């Protein structure tokens, strides 16, 4: 019997995508619009993503420009950026809001590298949980008599190869993010 690893593949992809989203919220030495993705402003009684109410562009290496489409929302956006507690300063002008990121100190860079490592470990735990769930499914098939002992052994090896490949991809993206932070 051929076991279907499609669900496992989807779970591995979701874990990789989640880690990538987590990494996009961690600031490197350069200001990027994705750093503001997690910020939501109170607009007309609803928490709304900045991308839905403004355009975000890079002004220079340390500054982002948030151009709000409806000028009446300027104060709400400014408050949301301040409430996000990202350690940034803001300046409002007639074109919108400038979000100014301070230079990263060596201490802050070391803290961010550690945070990246913690995010990686959380993703690895998720991968191990998916492996455990799949192992339980395989063992249930064995108990039901749908797979032989040899087939079970082969499926477990294939499962481990898929998990190892997923973890390797996570580690590669982590090394890349750590290099970005260290620059």
C-alpha atoms as a PDB file:
ATOM      1  CA  UNK A   1       0.000   0.000   0.000  1.00  0.00           C
ATOM      2  CA  UNK A   2       1.252   3.466  -0.821  1.00  0.00           C
ATOM      3  CA  UNK A   3       0.785   5.918   2.016  1.00  0.00           C
ATOM      4  CA  UNK A   4      -0.268   9.423   0.995  1.00  0.00           C
ATOM      5  CA  UNK A   5       2.205  11.984   2.377  1.00  0.00           C
ATOM      6  CA  UNK A   6       0.339  14.953   0.825  1.00  0.00           C
ATOM      7  CA  UNK A   7      -0.975  16.211   4.175  1.00  0.00           C
ATOM      8  CA  UNK A   8       2.516  16.031   5.630  1.00  0.00           C
ATOM      9  CA  UNK A   9       3.882  17.972   2.640  1.00  0.00           C
ATOM     10  CA  UNK A  10       1.250  20.677   3.146  1.00  0.00           C
ATOM     11  CA  UNK A  11       2.082  20.876   6.854  1.00  0.00           C
ATOM     12  CA  UNK A  12       5.812  21.180   6.109  1.00  0.00           C
ATOM     13  CA  UNK A  13       5.106  23.947   3.571  1.00  0.00           C
ATOM     14  CA  UNK A  14       2.885  25.768   6.068  1.00  0.00           C
ATOM     15  CA  UNK A  15       5.607  25.604   8.717  1.00  0.00           C
ATOM     16  CA  UNK A  16       8.141  27.025   6.245  1.00  0.00           C
ATOM     17  CA  UNK A  17       5.771  29.823   5.225  1.00  0.00           C
ATOM     18  CA  UNK A  18       5.022  30.639   8.850  1.00  0.00           C
ATOM     19  CA  UNK A  19       8.728  30.869   9.654  1.00  0.00           C
ATOM     20  CA  UNK A  20       9.261  33.127   6.625  1.00  0.00           C
ATOM     21  CA  UNK A  21       6.456  35.434   7.853  1.00  0.00           C
ATOM     22  CA  UNK A  22       7.990  35.488  11.332  1.00  0.00           C
ATOM     23  CA  UNK A  23      11.377  36.370   9.845  1.00  0.00           C
ATOM     24  CA  UNK A  24       9.880  39.164   7.744  1.00  0.00           C
ATOM     25  CA  UNK A  25       8.785  40.862  10.963  1.00  0.00           C
ATOM     26  CA  UNK A  26      12.315  40.800  12.386  1.00  0.00           C
ATOM     27  CA  UNK A  27      14.217  43.898  11.433  1.00  0.00           C
ATOM     28  CA  UNK A  28      17.583  43.657   9.772  1.00  0.00           C
ATOM     29  CA  UNK A  29      19.902  46.605   9.139  1.00  0.00           C
ATOM     30  CA  UNK A  30      17.665  47.912   6.339  1.00  0.00           C
ATOM     31  CA  UNK A  31      14.106  49.195   6.654  1.00  0.00           C
ATOM     32  CA  UNK A  32      11.678  47.081   4.634  1.00  0.00           C
ATOM     33  CA  UNK A  33       7.930  47.586   4.144  1.00  0.00           C
ATOM     34  CA  UNK A  34       7.281  44.043   5.403  1.00  0.00           C
ATOM     35  CA  UNK A  35       8.348  45.191   8.882  1.00  0.00           C
ATOM     36  CA  UNK A  36       5.028  47.004   9.183  1.00  0.00           C
ATOM     37  CA  UNK A  37       2.903  44.031   8.028  1.00  0.00           C
ATOM     38  CA  UNK A  38       1.897  43.045  11.547  1.00  0.00           C
ATOM     39  CA  UNK A  39       0.644  46.528  12.458  1.00  0.00           C
ATOM     40  CA  UNK A  40      -3.110  47.045  12.443  1.00  0.00           C
ATOM     41  CA  UNK A  41      -4.785  50.425  12.862  1.00  0.00           C
ATOM     42  CA  UNK A  42      -8.222  51.054  14.330  1.00  0.00           C
ATOM     43  CA  UNK A  43     -10.194  52.228  11.286  1.00  0.00           C
ATOM     44  CA  UNK A  44     -13.959  52.737  11.388  1.00  0.00           C
ATOM     45  CA  UNK A  45     -14.231  50.397  14.366  1.00  0.00           C
ATOM     46  CA  UNK A  46     -12.187  47.588  12.781  1.00  0.00           C
ATOM     47  CA  UNK A  47      -8.535  46.577  13.133  1.00  0.00           C
ATOM     48  CA  UNK A  48      -7.154  46.962   9.601  1.00  0.00           C
ATOM     49  CA  UNK A  49      -3.732  46.155   8.172  1.00  0.00           C
ATOM     50  CA  UNK A  50      -1.679  49.165   7.078  1.00  0.00           C
ATOM     51  CA  UNK A  51      -1.388  47.679   3.585  1.00  0.00           C
ATOM     52  CA  UNK A  52      -5.173  47.946   3.245  1.00  0.00           C
ATOM     53  CA  UNK A  53      -5.314  51.672   4.026  1.00  0.00           C
ATOM     54  CA  UNK A  54      -1.956  53.022   2.874  1.00  0.00           C
ATOM     55  CA  UNK A  55       0.985  52.470   0.589  1.00  0.00           C
ATOM     56  CA  UNK A  56       4.312  51.755   2.248  1.00  0.00           C
ATOM     57  CA  UNK A  57       7.552  52.595   0.480  1.00  0.00           C
ATOM     58  CA  UNK A  58      11.247  52.790   1.334  1.00  0.00           C
ATOM     59  CA  UNK A  59      12.535  56.339   1.560  1.00  0.00           C
ATOM     60  CA  UNK A  60      16.104  55.427   2.511  1.00  0.00           C
ATOM     61  CA  UNK A  61      17.901  52.619   4.362  1.00  0.00           C
ATOM     62  CA  UNK A  62      16.416  53.620   7.722  1.00  0.00           C
ATOM     63  CA  UNK A  63      13.131  55.290   6.748  1.00  0.00           C
ATOM     64  CA  UNK A  64       9.770  54.055   5.498  1.00  0.00           C
ATOM     65  CA  UNK A  65       7.065  56.314   4.091  1.00  0.00           C
ATOM     66  CA  UNK A  66       3.455  55.432   4.934  1.00  0.00           C
ATOM     67  CA  UNK A  67       1.144  57.307   2.567  1.00  0.00           C
ATOM     68  CA  UNK A  68      -2.382  56.992   3.919  1.00  0.00           C
ATOM     69  CA  UNK A  69      -5.059  57.104   1.228  1.00  0.00           C
ATOM     70  CA  UNK A  70      -7.595  58.800   3.510  1.00  0.00           C
ATOM     71  CA  UNK A  71      -5.970  61.664   5.413  1.00  0.00           C
ATOM     72  CA  UNK A  72      -8.548  61.360   8.205  1.00  0.00           C
ATOM     73  CA  UNK A  73      -6.870  58.058   9.152  1.00  0.00           C
ATOM     74  CA  UNK A  74      -3.448  59.644   9.692  1.00  0.00           C
ATOM     75  CA  UNK A  75      -3.774  59.847  13.496  1.00  0.00           C
ATOM     76  CA  UNK A  76      -5.029  56.253  13.749  1.00  0.00           C
ATOM     77  CA  UNK A  77      -2.076  54.975  11.711  1.00  0.00           C
ATOM     78  CA  UNK A  78       0.397  57.022  13.734  1.00  0.00           C
ATOM     79  CA  UNK A  79      -1.104  55.659  16.963  1.00  0.00           C
ATOM     80  CA  UNK A  80      -0.942  52.071  15.638  1.00  0.00           C
ATOM     81  CA  UNK A  81       2.751  52.441  14.749  1.00  0.00           C
ATOM     82  CA  UNK A  82       3.475  53.887  18.193  1.00  0.00           C
ATOM     83  CA  UNK A  83       1.454  51.132  19.928  1.00  0.00           C
ATOM     84  CA  UNK A  84       3.372  48.435  18.025  1.00  0.00           C
ATOM     85  CA  UNK A  85       6.352  49.237  20.272  1.00  0.00           C
ATOM     86  CA  UNK A  86       8.944  48.580  17.563  1.00  0.00           C
ATOM     87  CA  UNK A  87      11.423  51.123  18.860  1.00  0.00           C
ATOM     88  CA  UNK A  88      10.866  53.484  15.934  1.00  0.00           C
ATOM     89  CA  UNK A  89      10.119  57.178  15.752  1.00  0.00           C
ATOM     90  CA  UNK A  90       7.508  58.772  13.532  1.00  0.00           C
ATOM     91  CA  UNK A  91       7.228  62.119  11.830  1.00  0.00           C
ATOM     92  CA  UNK A  92       4.000  63.312  10.234  1.00  0.00           C
ATOM     93  CA  UNK A  93       3.936  65.667   7.271  1.00  0.00           C
ATOM     94  CA  UNK A  94       1.551  66.556   4.434  1.00  0.00           C
ATOM     95  CA  UNK A  95       2.502  63.406   2.462  1.00  0.00           C
ATOM     96  CA  UNK A  96       1.948  60.933   5.280  1.00  0.00           C
ATOM     97  CA  UNK A  97       4.038  59.404   8.025  1.00  0.00           C
ATOM     98  CA  UNK A  98       7.761  58.775   8.024  1.00  0.00           C
ATOM     99  CA  UNK A  99       8.739  55.783  10.157  1.00  0.00           C
ATOM    100  CA  UNK A 100      12.380  56.139  11.172  1.00  0.00           C
ATOM    101  CA  UNK A 101      14.291  53.085  12.375  1.00  0.00           C
ATOM    102  CA  UNK A 102      17.325  53.661  14.607  1.00  0.00           C
ATOM    103  CA  UNK A 103      20.658  52.038  13.774  1.00  0.00           C
ATOM    104  CA  UNK A 104      21.042  48.566  15.207  1.00  0.00           C
ATOM    105  CA  UNK A 105      23.567  48.272  17.993  1.00  0.00           C
ATOM    106  CA  UNK A 106      25.759  45.194  18.376  1.00  0.00           C
ATOM    107  CA  UNK A 107      23.741  44.218  21.443  1.00  0.00           C
ATOM    108  CA  UNK A 108      20.439  44.526  19.550  1.00  0.00           C
ATOM    109  CA  UNK A 109      21.825  42.499  16.617  1.00  0.00           C
ATOM    110  CA  UNK A 110      22.872  39.719  19.011  1.00  0.00           C
ATOM    111  CA  UNK A 111      19.395  39.759  20.554  1.00  0.00           C
ATOM    112  CA  UNK A 112      17.786  39.522  17.087  1.00  0.00           C
ATOM    113  CA  UNK A 113      20.040  36.611  16.101  1.00  0.00           C
ATOM    114  CA  UNK A 114      18.941  34.850  19.291  1.00  0.00           C
ATOM    115  CA  UNK A 115      15.286  35.592  18.465  1.00  0.00           C
ATOM    116  CA  UNK A 116      15.763  34.088  14.989  1.00  0.00           C
ATOM    117  CA  UNK A 117      17.154  30.953  16.627  1.00  0.00           C
ATOM    118  CA  UNK A 118      14.113  30.764  18.910  1.00  0.00           C
ATOM    119  CA  UNK A 119      11.753  31.075  15.918  1.00  0.00           C
ATOM    120  CA  UNK A 120      13.658  28.254  14.192  1.00  0.00           C
ATOM    121  CA  UNK A 121      13.301  26.040  17.248  1.00  0.00           C
ATOM    122  CA  UNK A 122       9.538  26.695  17.348  1.00  0.00           C
ATOM    123  CA  UNK A 123       9.300  25.685  13.678  1.00  0.00           C
ATOM    124  CA  UNK A 124      11.319  22.519  14.361  1.00  0.00           C
ATOM    125  CA  UNK A 125       8.955  21.604  17.200  1.00  0.00           C
ATOM    126  CA  UNK A 126       6.059  21.997  14.781  1.00  0.00           C
ATOM    127  CA  UNK A 127       7.811  19.707  12.300  1.00  0.00           C
ATOM    128  CA  UNK A 128       8.406  17.093  14.990  1.00  0.00           C
ATOM    129  CA  UNK A 129       4.728  17.265  15.955  1.00  0.00           C
ATOM    130  CA  UNK A 130       3.754  16.626  12.320  1.00  0.00           C
ATOM    131  CA  UNK A 131       6.171  13.681  12.234  1.00  0.00           C
ATOM    132  CA  UNK A 132       4.634  12.278  15.407  1.00  0.00           C
ATOM    133  CA  UNK A 133       1.101  12.639  14.022  1.00  0.00           C
ATOM    134  CA  UNK A 134       2.096  10.833  10.818  1.00  0.00           C
ATOM    135  CA  UNK A 135       3.818   8.080  12.803  1.00  0.00           C
ATOM    136  CA  UNK A 136       0.594   7.543  14.743  1.00  0.00           C
ATOM    137  CA  UNK A 137      -1.288   7.225  11.445  1.00  0.00           C
ATOM    138  CA  UNK A 138       1.247   4.683  10.187  1.00  0.00           C
ATOM    139  CA  UNK A 139       1.055   2.673  13.406  1.00  0.00           C
ATOM    140  CA  UNK A 140      -2.753   2.662  13.142  1.00  0.00           C
ATOM    141  CA  UNK A 141      -2.447   1.253   9.618  1.00  0.00           C
ATOM    142  CA  UNK A 142      -0.125  -1.465  10.935  1.00  0.00           C
ATOM    143  CA  UNK A 143      -2.560  -2.380  13.726  1.00  0.00           C
ATOM    144  CA  UNK A 144      -5.399  -2.539  11.205  1.00  0.00           C
ATOM    145  CA  UNK A 145      -3.309  -4.940   9.152  1.00  0.00           C
ATOM    146  CA  UNK A 146      -3.217  -2.674   6.103  1.00  0.00           C
ATOM    147  CA  UNK A 147       0.599  -2.546   5.922  1.00  0.00           C
ATOM    148  CA  UNK A 148       3.265  -5.128   6.613  1.00  0.00           C
ATOM    149  CA  UNK A 149       6.193  -4.655   8.987  1.00  0.00           C
ATOM    150  CA  UNK A 150       8.587  -4.137   6.057  1.00  0.00           C
ATOM    151  CA  UNK A 151       6.272  -1.595   4.429  1.00  0.00           C
ATOM    152  CA  UNK A 152       5.896   0.217   7.761  1.00  0.00           C
ATOM    153  CA  UNK A 153       9.673   0.409   8.114  1.00  0.00           C
ATOM    154  CA  UNK A 154      10.013   1.795   4.568  1.00  0.00           C
ATOM    155  CA  UNK A 155       7.270   4.380   5.177  1.00  0.00           C
ATOM    156  CA  UNK A 156       8.903   5.514   8.427  1.00  0.00           C
ATOM    157  CA  UNK A 157      12.225   6.004   6.616  1.00  0.00           C
ATOM    158  CA  UNK A 158      10.483   7.991   3.873  1.00  0.00           C
ATOM    159  CA  UNK A 159       8.731  10.079   6.532  1.00  0.00           C
ATOM    160  CA  UNK A 160      12.044  10.845   8.236  1.00  0.00           C
ATOM    161  CA  UNK A 161      13.599  11.884   4.906  1.00  0.00           C
ATOM    162  CA  UNK A 162      10.745  14.340   4.292  1.00  0.00           C
ATOM    163  CA  UNK A 163      11.030  15.801   7.797  1.00  0.00           C
ATOM    164  CA  UNK A 164      14.824  16.068   7.499  1.00  0.00           C
ATOM    165  CA  UNK A 165      14.473  17.896   4.158  1.00  0.00           C
ATOM    166  CA  UNK A 166      11.934  20.287   5.699  1.00  0.00           C
ATOM    167  CA  UNK A 167      14.150  21.029   8.690  1.00  0.00           C
ATOM    168  CA  UNK A 168      17.143  21.554   6.413  1.00  0.00           C
ATOM    169  CA  UNK A 169      15.168  24.157   4.431  1.00  0.00           C
ATOM    170  CA  UNK A 170      14.206  25.904   7.690  1.00  0.00           C
ATOM    171  CA  UNK A 171      17.829  25.977   8.805  1.00  0.00           C
ATOM    172  CA  UNK A 172      18.981  27.439   5.478  1.00  0.00           C
ATOM    173  CA  UNK A 173      16.484  30.296   5.737  1.00  0.00           C
ATOM    174  CA  UNK A 174      17.583  30.861   9.342  1.00  0.00           C
ATOM    175  CA  UNK A 175      21.258  31.103   8.386  1.00  0.00           C
ATOM    176  CA  UNK A 176      20.332  33.606   5.657  1.00  0.00           C
ATOM    177  CA  UNK A 177      18.309  35.730   8.096  1.00  0.00           C
ATOM    178  CA  UNK A 178      21.125  35.663  10.653  1.00  0.00           C
ATOM    179  CA  UNK A 179      23.550  36.905   7.986  1.00  0.00           C
ATOM    180  CA  UNK A 180      21.151  39.746   7.095  1.00  0.00           C
ATOM    181  CA  UNK A 181      20.995  40.802  10.728  1.00  0.00           C
ATOM    182  CA  UNK A 182      24.757  40.641  11.184  1.00  0.00           C
ATOM    183  CA  UNK A 183      25.520  42.881   8.207  1.00  0.00           C
END
